[in-house]
């Protein structure tokens, strides 16, 4: 991890560890205890709570279901969320290319506490559908998010051109608009350069795979997926 960002991350641990947060304490039948809290600095209109827990298992099987609520008045296009644990900090990046995380809605994400006794969460970066942002972006996942979205836009433009040769192309394109979120998880700090290089590939791969598994117009969609894959070998292969 970059030294400057590491110091920021350690400082955040100290601040958050001494701040009264929206904390919740959970216990397992065998006495395992974990505190989960959410502290947002700077404040962003988003809320996290624990929906459910399963702590009565081995560390590898334990889970906590988070409920993440968009309490703003606008849709979220992407976010980078830090999960800080005593041993295993992680950075969770989610990108909603078309089916944005709508205002007033909630999504659910699982984490694995691995028998840690304390977990806290905050959002380092939130990108809204109108282009505005919230958060410090200290971990620079905006670079990764922008690369994915820009590459996806190019892929969609090419798919539109290909689909125009088929009957009722809007039917195929409308189904693609239902694509779910792209999630990734890595260590806090500067983005891995290899991950950034893979973003165009990830964007194209997601669309190609979705075309191959489209619930309608399967024959046409598979033909488009194959054509897109064949004409973009430098994009869809590993960097």
Protein backbone atom coordinates (compact mmCIF):
# COMPACT_ATOMS: atom_id res chain seq x y z
CA UNK A 1 0.00 0.00 0.00
CA UNK A 2 1.22 3.53 -0.77
CA UNK A 3 2.87 5.04 2.36
CA UNK A 4 0.75 8.21 2.31
CA UNK A 5 -2.46 6.24 1.92
CA UNK A 6 -1.37 3.79 4.59
CA UNK A 7 -0.97 6.67 7.04
CA UNK A 8 -4.42 7.96 6.06
CA UNK A 9 -5.87 4.49 6.60
CA UNK A 10 -4.23 4.14 10.03
CA UNK A 11 -5.45 7.60 10.99
CA UNK A 12 -8.94 6.58 9.96
CA UNK A 13 -8.70 3.52 12.19
CA UNK A 14 -7.79 5.73 15.15
CA UNK A 15 -10.52 8.29 14.48
CA UNK A 16 -13.23 5.74 13.83
CA UNK A 17 -12.17 3.61 16.75
CA UNK A 18 -12.70 6.53 19.12
CA UNK A 19 -15.88 7.93 17.57
CA UNK A 20 -19.38 7.13 18.74
CA UNK A 21 -20.84 5.42 15.70
CA UNK A 22 -23.95 3.57 14.70
CA UNK A 23 -22.61 0.43 16.37
CA UNK A 24 -24.27 -2.94 16.79
CA UNK A 25 -22.94 -5.83 18.87
CA UNK A 26 -23.63 -9.45 17.96
CA UNK A 27 -22.82 -12.67 19.81
CA UNK A 28 -22.73 -16.31 18.84
CA UNK A 29 -23.89 -19.23 20.99
CA UNK A 30 -20.30 -20.07 21.94
CA UNK A 31 -19.57 -16.52 23.16
CA UNK A 32 -17.93 -15.01 20.06
CA UNK A 33 -18.65 -11.27 20.08
CA UNK A 34 -18.34 -8.81 17.20
CA UNK A 35 -19.07 -5.08 17.05
CA UNK A 36 -20.14 -3.63 13.71
CA UNK A 37 -20.26 0.12 13.20
CA UNK A 38 -20.65 2.66 10.44
CA UNK A 39 -18.92 6.05 10.50
CA UNK A 40 -19.01 8.29 7.43
CA UNK A 41 -16.44 11.09 7.11
CA UNK A 42 -17.33 13.31 5.36
CA UNK A 43 -21.04 12.65 5.79
CA UNK A 44 -22.80 11.13 2.77
CA UNK A 45 -26.53 10.33 2.48
CA UNK A 46 -26.16 6.57 2.79
CA UNK A 47 -26.85 4.18 5.63
CA UNK A 48 -25.58 0.75 6.63
CA UNK A 49 -27.17 -1.63 9.10
CA UNK A 50 -26.88 -5.35 9.81
CA UNK A 51 -29.76 -7.31 8.32
CA UNK A 52 -28.75 -10.71 9.71
CA UNK A 53 -25.78 -12.68 11.04
CA UNK A 54 -24.61 -16.27 11.02
CA UNK A 55 -21.79 -16.50 13.56
CA UNK A 56 -22.32 -20.01 14.91
CA UNK A 57 -19.97 -21.66 12.45
CA UNK A 58 -16.28 -21.98 11.72
CA UNK A 59 -14.54 -18.69 10.77
CA UNK A 60 -14.61 -19.51 7.06
CA UNK A 61 -18.39 -20.02 7.18
CA UNK A 62 -19.39 -17.02 9.29
CA UNK A 63 -21.32 -14.26 7.54
CA UNK A 64 -22.91 -10.88 8.16
CA UNK A 65 -25.58 -9.56 5.80
CA UNK A 66 -25.40 -5.79 5.41
CA UNK A 67 -28.31 -3.62 4.36
CA UNK A 68 -27.05 -0.57 2.43
CA UNK A 69 -29.65 2.17 1.93
CA UNK A 70 -29.34 5.05 -0.51
CA UNK A 71 -30.91 7.84 1.55
CA UNK A 72 -30.11 10.54 -1.00
CA UNK A 73 -32.52 12.01 -3.54
CA UNK A 74 -30.55 10.67 -6.52
CA UNK A 75 -29.36 7.35 -7.89
CA UNK A 76 -25.89 5.99 -7.18
CA UNK A 77 -23.86 4.90 -10.20
CA UNK A 78 -20.91 3.46 -8.23
CA UNK A 79 -19.27 3.38 -4.82
CA UNK A 80 -16.07 2.32 -3.05
CA UNK A 81 -16.66 1.13 0.51
CA UNK A 82 -13.97 0.36 3.09
CA UNK A 83 -14.57 -2.49 5.51
CA UNK A 84 -12.06 -2.14 8.32
CA UNK A 85 -11.37 -5.14 10.49
CA UNK A 86 -8.75 -5.83 13.12
CA UNK A 87 -6.92 -8.11 10.69
CA UNK A 88 -8.57 -8.02 7.27
CA UNK A 89 -9.41 -4.55 5.87
CA UNK A 90 -11.00 -4.64 2.42
CA UNK A 91 -12.17 -2.23 -0.21
CA UNK A 92 -15.46 -3.13 -1.88
CA UNK A 93 -16.16 -1.48 -5.25
CA UNK A 94 -19.60 -1.65 -6.86
CA UNK A 95 -20.55 -0.20 -10.25
CA UNK A 96 -24.16 0.00 -11.43
CA UNK A 97 -23.84 0.68 -15.19
CA UNK A 98 -27.54 0.96 -16.05
CA UNK A 99 -29.74 -0.31 -13.23
CA UNK A 100 -28.47 2.33 -10.84
CA UNK A 101 -28.73 2.04 -7.08
CA UNK A 102 -31.89 4.17 -6.96
CA UNK A 103 -32.73 6.86 -4.44
CA UNK A 104 -34.55 5.48 -1.42
CA UNK A 105 -33.69 1.88 -2.30
CA UNK A 106 -31.61 -0.71 -0.44
CA UNK A 107 -29.20 -3.44 -1.53
CA UNK A 108 -27.80 -6.33 0.49
CA UNK A 109 -24.18 -7.48 0.66
CA UNK A 110 -22.54 -10.29 2.64
CA UNK A 111 -19.21 -10.00 4.44
CA UNK A 112 -17.17 -12.65 6.22
CA UNK A 113 -15.88 -11.53 9.64
CA UNK A 114 -13.34 -14.36 10.08
CA UNK A 115 -13.74 -14.24 13.87
CA UNK A 116 -12.60 -10.61 14.12
CA UNK A 117 -14.02 -8.74 17.10
CA UNK A 118 -14.62 -5.39 15.38
CA UNK A 119 -15.70 -4.26 11.94
CA UNK A 120 -16.40 -0.75 10.73
CA UNK A 121 -17.49 0.64 7.37
CA UNK A 122 -17.29 3.92 5.53
CA UNK A 123 -17.63 5.06 1.94
CA UNK A 124 -14.46 6.50 0.45
CA UNK A 125 -16.16 7.43 -2.81
CA UNK A 126 -19.70 7.59 -4.17
CA UNK A 127 -20.51 8.53 -7.77
CA UNK A 128 -24.08 9.61 -8.43
CA UNK A 129 -25.94 9.23 -11.72
CA UNK A 130 -25.86 13.01 -12.24
CA UNK A 131 -22.04 13.04 -12.08
CA UNK A 132 -21.72 14.49 -8.57
CA UNK A 133 -19.69 12.66 -5.93
CA UNK A 134 -19.32 12.25 -2.18
CA UNK A 135 -16.34 11.07 -0.16
CA UNK A 136 -12.61 11.76 -0.11
CA UNK A 137 -11.64 9.23 -2.82
CA UNK A 138 -8.37 8.68 -0.94
CA UNK A 139 -8.10 5.19 -2.44
CA UNK A 140 -8.68 6.42 -6.00
CA UNK A 141 -11.20 3.79 -7.07
CA UNK A 142 -12.77 6.52 -9.21
CA UNK A 143 -10.08 5.62 -11.79
CA UNK A 144 -11.24 2.01 -11.88
CA UNK A 145 -14.91 2.97 -12.01
CA UNK A 146 -14.45 5.52 -14.80
CA UNK A 147 -12.44 3.05 -16.87
CA UNK A 148 -15.16 0.41 -16.56
CA UNK A 149 -18.01 2.79 -17.42
CA UNK A 150 -16.18 4.35 -20.39
CA UNK A 151 -15.34 0.91 -21.82
CA UNK A 152 -18.88 -0.30 -21.33
CA UNK A 153 -20.23 2.73 -23.18
CA UNK A 154 -18.00 1.91 -26.16
CA UNK A 155 -19.11 -1.72 -26.10
CA UNK A 156 -22.78 -0.74 -25.98
CA UNK A 157 -22.31 1.58 -28.96
CA UNK A 158 -20.83 -1.28 -30.95
CA UNK A 159 -23.60 -3.67 -29.87
CA UNK A 160 -26.21 -1.15 -31.00
CA UNK A 161 -24.58 -1.04 -34.41
CA UNK A 162 -24.51 -4.83 -34.64
CA UNK A 163 -28.09 -5.21 -33.40
CA UNK A 164 -29.38 -2.78 -36.01
CA UNK A 165 -29.04 -5.55 -38.58
CA UNK A 166 -31.62 -7.65 -36.77
CA UNK A 167 -35.37 -7.30 -36.48
CA UNK A 168 -36.55 -5.29 -33.44
CA UNK A 169 -33.03 -4.44 -32.19
CA UNK A 170 -34.43 -2.34 -29.34
CA UNK A 171 -35.73 -5.53 -27.74
CA UNK A 172 -32.20 -6.85 -27.34
CA UNK A 173 -30.83 -3.51 -26.17
CA UNK A 174 -33.59 -3.08 -23.60
CA UNK A 175 -32.74 -6.47 -22.09
CA UNK A 176 -29.09 -5.45 -21.81
CA UNK A 177 -30.14 -2.42 -19.79
CA UNK A 178 -31.17 -4.81 -17.02
CA UNK A 179 -27.55 -5.73 -16.31
CA UNK A 180 -26.70 -6.03 -12.64
CA UNK A 181 -23.87 -4.46 -10.72
CA UNK A 182 -20.19 -5.19 -11.22
CA UNK A 183 -18.56 -5.96 -7.85
CA UNK A 184 -14.91 -6.30 -6.96
CA UNK A 185 -12.94 -6.49 -3.72
CA UNK A 186 -9.28 -5.81 -3.01
CA UNK A 187 -6.95 -4.26 -0.44
CA UNK A 188 -7.26 -0.58 0.55
CA UNK A 189 -4.72 1.76 -1.02
CA UNK A 190 -3.99 2.75 -4.59
CA UNK A 191 -5.69 0.61 -7.25
CA UNK A 192 -3.69 -2.30 -8.59
CA UNK A 193 -2.42 -1.23 -12.05
CA UNK A 194 -3.31 -4.67 -13.41
CA UNK A 195 -6.88 -4.22 -12.20
CA UNK A 196 -7.13 -0.91 -14.03
CA UNK A 197 -5.83 -2.57 -17.20
CA UNK A 198 -8.48 -5.26 -16.87
CA UNK A 199 -11.41 -2.86 -16.64
CA UNK A 200 -12.04 -2.67 -20.43
CA UNK A 201 -11.90 -6.46 -20.58
CA UNK A 202 -14.30 -6.75 -17.65
CA UNK A 203 -16.80 -4.35 -19.24
CA UNK A 204 -16.79 -6.22 -22.56
CA UNK A 205 -16.87 -9.62 -20.87
CA UNK A 206 -19.90 -8.74 -18.80
CA UNK A 207 -21.84 -7.67 -21.87
CA UNK A 208 -20.71 -10.66 -23.93
CA UNK A 209 -21.74 -13.05 -21.15
CA UNK A 210 -25.06 -11.31 -20.74
CA UNK A 211 -25.75 -11.58 -24.46
CA UNK A 212 -24.99 -15.29 -24.30
CA UNK A 213 -27.50 -15.76 -21.50
CA UNK A 214 -30.21 -13.38 -22.65
CA UNK A 215 -33.71 -14.62 -21.80
CA UNK A 216 -35.05 -13.49 -25.17
CA UNK A 217 -33.78 -13.57 -28.76
CA UNK A 218 -31.15 -16.10 -27.80
CA UNK A 219 -29.97 -16.97 -31.30
CA UNK A 220 -29.51 -13.32 -32.32
CA UNK A 221 -27.90 -12.38 -29.00
CA UNK A 222 -25.39 -15.23 -29.19
CA UNK A 223 -24.44 -14.23 -32.74
CA UNK A 224 -23.81 -10.65 -31.58
CA UNK A 225 -21.78 -11.88 -28.60
CA UNK A 226 -19.57 -14.02 -30.84
CA UNK A 227 -19.05 -11.19 -33.33
CA UNK A 228 -18.13 -8.74 -30.57
CA UNK A 229 -15.67 -11.19 -29.05
CA UNK A 230 -14.02 -11.96 -32.40
CA UNK A 231 -13.51 -8.32 -33.39
CA UNK A 232 -12.08 -7.24 -30.05
CA UNK A 233 -9.44 -9.87 -29.18
CA UNK A 234 -7.04 -7.30 -27.75
CA UNK A 235 -9.71 -6.08 -25.34
CA UNK A 236 -11.22 -9.31 -24.11
CA UNK A 237 -7.99 -11.19 -23.48
CA UNK A 238 -5.95 -10.88 -20.27
CA UNK A 239 -3.68 -7.80 -20.21
